Amino acid sequence: EEDAYLSQSGQLYMEAAAMALGKVFSFG
């Protein structure tokens, strides 16, 4: 029932991950 979008970048989520794990990277 919601609007969604195909990701144009994982950056915002990677910022959250960096606050948990320090140094992170994604590939997708």
PDB file of all heavy atoms in Angstrom:
ATOM      1  N   GLU A   1       0.812  -1.224   0.000  1.00  0.00           N
ATOM      2  CA  GLU A   1       0.000   0.000   0.000  1.00  0.00           C
ATOM      3  C   GLU A   1       0.843   1.271   0.000  1.00  0.00           C
ATOM      4  O   GLU A   1       0.311   2.373  -0.036  1.00  0.00           O
ATOM      5  CB  GLU A   1      -0.931   0.005   1.230  1.00  0.00           C
ATOM      6  CG  GLU A   1      -1.899  -1.166   1.300  1.00  0.00           C
ATOM      7  CD  GLU A   1      -2.772  -1.269   0.054  1.00  0.00           C
ATOM      8  OE1 GLU A   1      -3.273  -0.231  -0.428  1.00  0.00           O
ATOM      9  OE2 GLU A   1      -2.929  -2.398  -0.460  1.00  0.00           O
ATOM     10  N   GLU A   2       2.151   1.120   0.048  1.00  0.00           N
ATOM     11  CA  GLU A   2       3.033   2.288   0.101  1.00  0.00           C
ATOM     12  C   GLU A   2       3.733   2.517  -1.229  1.00  0.00           C
ATOM     13  O   GLU A   2       3.859   1.605  -2.046  1.00  0.00           O
ATOM     14  CB  GLU A   2       4.095   2.097   1.187  1.00  0.00           C
ATOM     15  CG  GLU A   2       3.568   1.982   2.597  1.00  0.00           C
ATOM     16  CD  GLU A   2       4.706   1.856   3.600  1.00  0.00           C
ATOM     17  OE1 GLU A   2       5.527   2.804   3.697  1.00  0.00           O
ATOM     18  OE2 GLU A   2       4.792   0.814   4.261  1.00  0.00           O
ATOM     19  N   ASP A   3       4.241   3.745  -1.406  1.00  0.00           N
ATOM     20  CA  ASP A   3       5.090   4.049  -2.550  1.00  0.00           C
ATOM     21  C   ASP A   3       6.532   3.679  -2.206  1.00  0.00           C
ATOM     22  O   ASP A   3       7.000   3.895  -1.085  1.00  0.00           O
ATOM     23  CB  ASP A   3       5.035   5.539  -2.889  1.00  0.00           C
ATOM     24  CG  ASP A   3       3.676   5.940  -3.445  1.00  0.00           C
ATOM     25  OD1 ASP A   3       3.039   5.104  -4.102  1.00  0.00           O
ATOM     26  OD2 ASP A   3       3.276   7.090  -3.206  1.00  0.00           O
ATOM     27  N   ALA A   4       7.229   3.099  -3.169  1.00  0.00           N
ATOM     28  CA  ALA A   4       8.636   2.744  -2.974  1.00  0.00           C
ATOM     29  C   ALA A   4       9.405   3.075  -4.236  1.00  0.00           C
ATOM     30  O   ALA A   4       8.816   3.359  -5.296  1.00  0.00           O
ATOM     31  CB  ALA A   4       8.775   1.262  -2.623  1.00  0.00           C
ATOM     32  N   TYR A   5      10.719   3.035  -4.124  1.00  0.00           N
ATOM     33  CA  TYR A   5      11.590   3.376  -5.249  1.00  0.00           C
ATOM     34  C   TYR A   5      12.740   2.377  -5.317  1.00  0.00           C
ATOM     35  O   TYR A   5      13.178   1.849  -4.295  1.00  0.00           O
ATOM     36  CB  TYR A   5      12.164   4.786  -5.081  1.00  0.00           C
ATOM     37  CG  TYR A   5      11.120   5.845  -4.845  1.00  0.00           C
ATOM     38  CD1 TYR A   5      10.780   6.226  -3.542  1.00  0.00           C
ATOM     39  CD2 TYR A   5      10.457   6.445  -5.912  1.00  0.00           C
ATOM     40  CE1 TYR A   5       9.804   7.184  -3.313  1.00  0.00           C
ATOM     41  CE2 TYR A   5       9.476   7.410  -5.690  1.00  0.00           C
ATOM     42  CZ  TYR A   5       9.151   7.766  -4.389  1.00  0.00           C
ATOM     43  OH  TYR A   5       8.189   8.705  -4.175  1.00  0.00           O
ATOM     44  N   LEU A   6      13.234   2.145  -6.545  1.00  0.00           N
ATOM     45  CA  LEU A   6      14.466   1.390  -6.691  1.00  0.00           C
ATOM     46  C   LEU A   6      15.628   2.286  -6.267  1.00  0.00           C
ATOM     47  O   LEU A   6      15.688   3.457  -6.641  1.00  0.00           O
ATOM     48  CB  LEU A   6      14.660   0.938  -8.142  1.00  0.00           C
ATOM     49  CG  LEU A   6      13.646  -0.063  -8.697  1.00  0.00           C
ATOM     50  CD1 LEU A   6      14.010  -0.428 -10.132  1.00  0.00           C
ATOM     51  CD2 LEU A   6      13.585  -1.313  -7.839  1.00  0.00           C
ATOM     52  N   SER A   7      16.542   1.731  -5.507  1.00  0.00           N
ATOM     53  CA  SER A   7      17.601   2.529  -4.903  1.00  0.00           C
ATOM     54  C   SER A   7      18.484   3.196  -5.950  1.00  0.00           C
ATOM     55  O   SER A   7      18.909   2.573  -6.922  1.00  0.00           O
ATOM     56  CB  SER A   7      18.467   1.640  -4.014  1.00  0.00           C
ATOM     57  OG  SER A   7      19.561   2.372  -3.504  1.00  0.00           O
ATOM     58  N   GLN A   8      18.770   4.471  -5.721  1.00  0.00           N
ATOM     59  CA  GLN A   8      19.744   5.183  -6.546  1.00  0.00           C
ATOM     60  C   GLN A   8      21.101   5.262  -5.843  1.00  0.00           C
ATOM     61  O   GLN A   8      22.085   5.658  -6.449  1.00  0.00           O
ATOM     62  CB  GLN A   8      19.251   6.595  -6.873  1.00  0.00           C
ATOM     63  CG  GLN A   8      19.055   7.438  -5.649  1.00  0.00           C
ATOM     64  CD  GLN A   8      18.486   8.819  -5.919  1.00  0.00           C
ATOM     65  OE1 GLN A   8      18.308   9.582  -5.002  1.00  0.00           O
ATOM     66  NE2 GLN A   8      18.205   9.145  -7.148  1.00  0.00           N
ATOM     67  N   SER A   9      21.122   4.868  -4.572  1.00  0.00           N
ATOM     68  CA  SER A   9      22.355   4.833  -3.792  1.00  0.00           C
ATOM     69  C   SER A   9      22.050   4.183  -2.449  1.00  0.00           C
ATOM     70  O   SER A   9      20.965   4.371  -1.901  1.00  0.00           O
ATOM     71  CB  SER A   9      22.899   6.244  -3.571  1.00  0.00           C
ATOM     72  OG  SER A   9      23.940   6.235  -2.603  1.00  0.00           O
ATOM     73  N   GLY A  10      23.022   3.454  -1.934  1.00  0.00           N
ATOM     74  CA  GLY A  10      22.866   2.884  -0.604  1.00  0.00           C
ATOM     75  C   GLY A  10      23.444   3.764   0.481  1.00  0.00           C
ATOM     76  O   GLY A  10      23.491   3.372   1.645  1.00  0.00           O
ATOM     77  N   GLN A  11      23.839   4.969   0.139  1.00  0.00           N
ATOM     78  CA  GLN A  11      24.640   5.793   1.047  1.00  0.00           C
ATOM     79  C   GLN A  11      24.003   6.050   2.408  1.00  0.00           C
ATOM     80  O   GLN A  11      24.652   5.896   3.448  1.00  0.00           O
ATOM     81  CB  GLN A  11      24.955   7.138   0.398  1.00  0.00           C
ATOM     82  CG  GLN A  11      25.799   8.030   1.306  1.00  0.00           C
ATOM     83  CD  GLN A  11      25.626   9.495   1.018  1.00  0.00           C
ATOM     84  OE1 GLN A  11      25.699   9.896  -0.133  1.00  0.00           O
ATOM     85  NE2 GLN A  11      25.390  10.300   2.035  1.00  0.00           N
ATOM     86  N   LEU A  12      22.740   6.456   2.434  1.00  0.00           N
ATOM     87  CA  LEU A  12      22.125   6.805   3.709  1.00  0.00           C
ATOM     88  C   LEU A  12      22.141   5.616   4.663  1.00  0.00           C
ATOM     89  O   LEU A  12      22.397   5.767   5.865  1.00  0.00           O
ATOM     90  CB  LEU A  12      20.698   7.305   3.502  1.00  0.00           C
ATOM     91  CG  LEU A  12      20.506   8.506   2.549  1.00  0.00           C
ATOM     92  CD1 LEU A  12      19.102   9.063   2.687  1.00  0.00           C
ATOM     93  CD2 LEU A  12      21.534   9.601   2.792  1.00  0.00           C
ATOM     94  N   TYR A  13      21.873   4.441   4.123  1.00  0.00           N
ATOM     95  CA  TYR A  13      21.896   3.233   4.945  1.00  0.00           C
ATOM     96  C   TYR A  13      23.322   2.879   5.366  1.00  0.00           C
ATOM     97  O   TYR A  13      23.546   2.350   6.465  1.00  0.00           O
ATOM     98  CB  TYR A  13      21.267   2.071   4.169  1.00  0.00           C
ATOM     99  CG  TYR A  13      19.810   2.307   3.868  1.00  0.00           C
ATOM    100  CD1 TYR A  13      19.406   2.816   2.633  1.00  0.00           C
ATOM    101  CD2 TYR A  13      18.833   2.059   4.824  1.00  0.00           C
ATOM    102  CE1 TYR A  13      18.073   3.056   2.357  1.00  0.00           C
ATOM    103  CE2 TYR A  13      17.489   2.289   4.562  1.00  0.00           C
ATOM    104  CZ  TYR A  13      17.116   2.789   3.324  1.00  0.00           C
ATOM    105  OH  TYR A  13      15.783   3.034   3.060  1.00  0.00           O
ATOM    106  N   MET A  14      24.282   3.175   4.513  1.00  0.00           N
ATOM    107  CA  MET A  14      25.669   2.912   4.868  1.00  0.00           C
ATOM    108  C   MET A  14      26.138   3.842   5.990  1.00  0.00           C
ATOM    109  O   MET A  14      26.989   3.468   6.803  1.00  0.00           O
ATOM    110  CB  MET A  14      26.571   3.049   3.640  1.00  0.00           C
ATOM    111  CG  MET A  14      26.257   2.067   2.524  1.00  0.00           C
ATOM    112  SD  MET A  14      26.131   0.355   3.085  1.00  0.00           S
ATOM    113  CE  MET A  14      27.830   0.049   3.548  1.00  0.00           C
ATOM    114  N   GLU A  15      25.591   5.044   6.038  1.00  0.00           N
ATOM    115  CA  GLU A  15      25.901   5.937   7.154  1.00  0.00           C
ATOM    116  C   GLU A  15      25.426   5.319   8.468  1.00  0.00           C
ATOM    117  O   GLU A  15      26.127   5.360   9.484  1.00  0.00           O
ATOM    118  CB  GLU A  15      25.270   7.306   6.935  1.00  0.00           C
ATOM    119  CG  GLU A  15      25.932   8.126   5.834  1.00  0.00           C
ATOM    120  CD  GLU A  15      25.400   9.544   5.775  1.00  0.00           C
ATOM    121  OE1 GLU A  15      25.409  10.215   6.819  1.00  0.00           O
ATOM    122  OE2 GLU A  15      24.971   9.974   4.682  1.00  0.00           O
ATOM    123  N   ALA A  16      24.219   4.743   8.449  1.00  0.00           N
ATOM    124  CA  ALA A  16      23.711   4.065   9.653  1.00  0.00           C
ATOM    125  C   ALA A  16      24.622   2.898  10.026  1.00  0.00           C
ATOM    126  O   ALA A  16      24.938   2.678  11.201  1.00  0.00           O
ATOM    127  CB  ALA A  16      22.286   3.577   9.409  1.00  0.00           C
ATOM    128  N   ALA A  17      25.069   2.144   9.009  1.00  0.00           N
ATOM    129  CA  ALA A  17      25.942   1.001   9.265  1.00  0.00           C
ATOM    130  C   ALA A  17      27.285   1.445   9.831  1.00  0.00           C
ATOM    131  O   ALA A  17      27.863   0.776  10.698  1.00  0.00           O
ATOM    132  CB  ALA A  17      26.143   0.202   7.980  1.00  0.00           C
ATOM    133  N   ALA A  18      27.797   2.579   9.347  1.00  0.00           N
ATOM    134  CA  ALA A  18      29.083   3.081   9.839  1.00  0.00           C
ATOM    135  C   ALA A  18      29.002   3.484  11.307  1.00  0.00           C
ATOM    136  O   ALA A  18      29.977   3.345  12.057  1.00  0.00           O
ATOM    137  CB  ALA A  18      29.546   4.271   8.996  1.00  0.00           C
ATOM    138  N   MET A  19      27.833   3.969  11.738  1.00  0.00           N
ATOM    139  CA  MET A  19      27.667   4.327  13.147  1.00  0.00           C
ATOM    140  C   MET A  19      27.639   3.078  14.029  1.00  0.00           C
ATOM    141  O   MET A  19      27.821   3.156  15.247  1.00  0.00           O
ATOM    142  CB  MET A  19      26.376   5.125  13.343  1.00  0.00           C
ATOM    143  CG  MET A  19      26.323   6.467  12.617  1.00  0.00           C
ATOM    144  SD  MET A  19      27.719   7.566  12.967  1.00  0.00           S
ATOM    145  CE  MET A  19      28.593   7.517  11.398  1.00  0.00           C
ATOM    146  N   ALA A  20      27.415   1.913  13.434  1.00  0.00           N
ATOM    147  CA  ALA A  20      27.424   0.656  14.182  1.00  0.00           C
ATOM    148  C   ALA A  20      28.732  -0.105  14.056  1.00  0.00           C
ATOM    149  O   ALA A  20      29.191  -0.740  15.002  1.00  0.00           O
ATOM    150  CB  ALA A  20      26.272  -0.237  13.702  1.00  0.00           C
ATOM    151  N   LEU A  21      29.362  -0.030  12.871  1.00  0.00           N
ATOM    152  CA  LEU A  21      30.510  -0.894  12.565  1.00  0.00           C
ATOM    153  C   LEU A  21      31.791  -0.142  12.226  1.00  0.00           C
ATOM    154  O   LEU A  21      32.812  -0.751  11.940  1.00  0.00           O
ATOM    155  CB  LEU A  21      30.139  -1.828  11.401  1.00  0.00           C
ATOM    156  CG  LEU A  21      29.011  -2.821  11.720  1.00  0.00           C
ATOM    157  CD1 LEU A  21      28.399  -3.379  10.436  1.00  0.00           C
ATOM    158  CD2 LEU A  21      29.518  -3.947  12.598  1.00  0.00           C
ATOM    159  N   GLY A  22      31.735   1.190  12.225  1.00  0.00           N
ATOM    160  CA  GLY A  22      32.944   1.997  12.028  1.00  0.00           C
ATOM    161  C   GLY A  22      33.284   2.261  10.578  1.00  0.00           C
ATOM    162  O   GLY A  22      33.081   3.363  10.068  1.00  0.00           O
ATOM    163  N   LYS A  23      33.798   1.234   9.886  1.00  0.00           N
ATOM    164  CA  LYS A  23      34.143   1.362   8.466  1.00  0.00           C
ATOM    165  C   LYS A  23      33.417   0.259   7.705  1.00  0.00           C
ATOM    166  O   LYS A  23      33.598  -0.931   7.987  1.00  0.00           O
ATOM    167  CB  LYS A  23      35.653   1.255   8.246  1.00  0.00           C
ATOM    168  CG  LYS A  23      36.456   2.386   8.862  1.00  0.00           C
ATOM    169  CD  LYS A  23      37.888   2.443   8.328  1.00  0.00           C
ATOM    170  CE  LYS A  23      38.701   1.232   8.712  1.00  0.00           C
ATOM    171  NZ  LYS A  23      40.124   1.373   8.290  1.00  0.00           N
ATOM    172  N   VAL A  24      32.604   0.661   6.743  1.00  0.00           N
ATOM    173  CA  VAL A  24      31.770  -0.297   6.016  1.00  0.00           C
ATOM    174  C   VAL A  24      31.850  -0.014   4.526  1.00  0.00           C
ATOM    175  O   VAL A  24      32.255   1.074   4.099  1.00  0.00           O
ATOM    176  CB  VAL A  24      30.292  -0.222   6.479  1.00  0.00           C
ATOM    177  CG1 VAL A  24      30.164  -0.637   7.935  1.00  0.00           C
ATOM    178  CG2 VAL A  24      29.732   1.189   6.275  1.00  0.00           C
ATOM    179  N   PHE A  25      31.457  -1.004   3.728  1.00  0.00           N
ATOM    180  CA  PHE A  25      31.310  -0.770   2.292  1.00  0.00           C
ATOM    181  C   PHE A  25      30.193  -1.658   1.759  1.00  0.00           C
ATOM    182  O   PHE A  25      29.906  -2.714   2.311  1.00  0.00           O
ATOM    183  CB  PHE A  25      32.617  -1.023   1.531  1.00  0.00           C
ATOM    184  CG  PHE A  25      32.955  -2.482   1.308  1.00  0.00           C
ATOM    185  CD1 PHE A  25      32.754  -3.084   0.063  1.00  0.00           C
ATOM    186  CD2 PHE A  25      33.479  -3.258   2.334  1.00  0.00           C
ATOM    187  CE1 PHE A  25      33.078  -4.415  -0.146  1.00  0.00           C
ATOM    188  CE2 PHE A  25      33.814  -4.586   2.126  1.00  0.00           C
ATOM    189  CZ  PHE A  25      33.610  -5.177   0.878  1.00  0.00           C
ATOM    190  N   SER A  26      29.566  -1.185   0.699  1.00  0.00           N
ATOM    191  CA  SER A  26      28.545  -1.972   0.018  1.00  0.00           C
ATOM    192  C   SER A  26      28.937  -2.129  -1.438  1.00  0.00           C
ATOM    193  O   SER A  26      29.744  -1.365  -1.969  1.00  0.00           O
ATOM    194  CB  SER A  26      27.168  -1.291   0.114  1.00  0.00           C
ATOM    195  OG  SER A  26      27.162  -0.064  -0.605  1.00  0.00           O
ATOM    196  N   PHE A  27      28.362  -3.128  -2.062  1.00  0.00           N
ATOM    197  CA  PHE A  27      28.567  -3.339  -3.492  1.00  0.00           C
ATOM    198  C   PHE A  27      27.283  -3.920  -4.044  1.00  0.00           C
ATOM    199  O   PHE A  27      26.905  -5.042  -3.711  1.00  0.00           O
ATOM    200  CB  PHE A  27      29.745  -4.293  -3.739  1.00  0.00           C
ATOM    201  CG  PHE A  27      29.888  -4.691  -5.192  1.00  0.00           C
ATOM    202  CD1 PHE A  27      30.097  -3.725  -6.163  1.00  0.00           C
ATOM    203  CD2 PHE A  27      29.793  -6.010  -5.586  1.00  0.00           C
ATOM    204  CE1 PHE A  27      30.218  -4.079  -7.500  1.00  0.00           C
ATOM    205  CE2 PHE A  27      29.912  -6.377  -6.916  1.00  0.00           C
ATOM    206  CZ  PHE A  27      30.124  -5.408  -7.878  1.00  0.00           C
ATOM    207  N   GLY A  28      26.593  -3.125  -4.862  1.00  0.00           N
ATOM    208  CA  GLY A  28      25.322  -3.620  -5.365  1.00  0.00           C
ATOM    209  C   GLY A  28      24.763  -2.764  -6.482  1.00  0.00           C
ATOM    210  O   GLY A  28      25.332  -1.726  -6.844  1.00  0.00           O
TER     211      GLY A  28
END
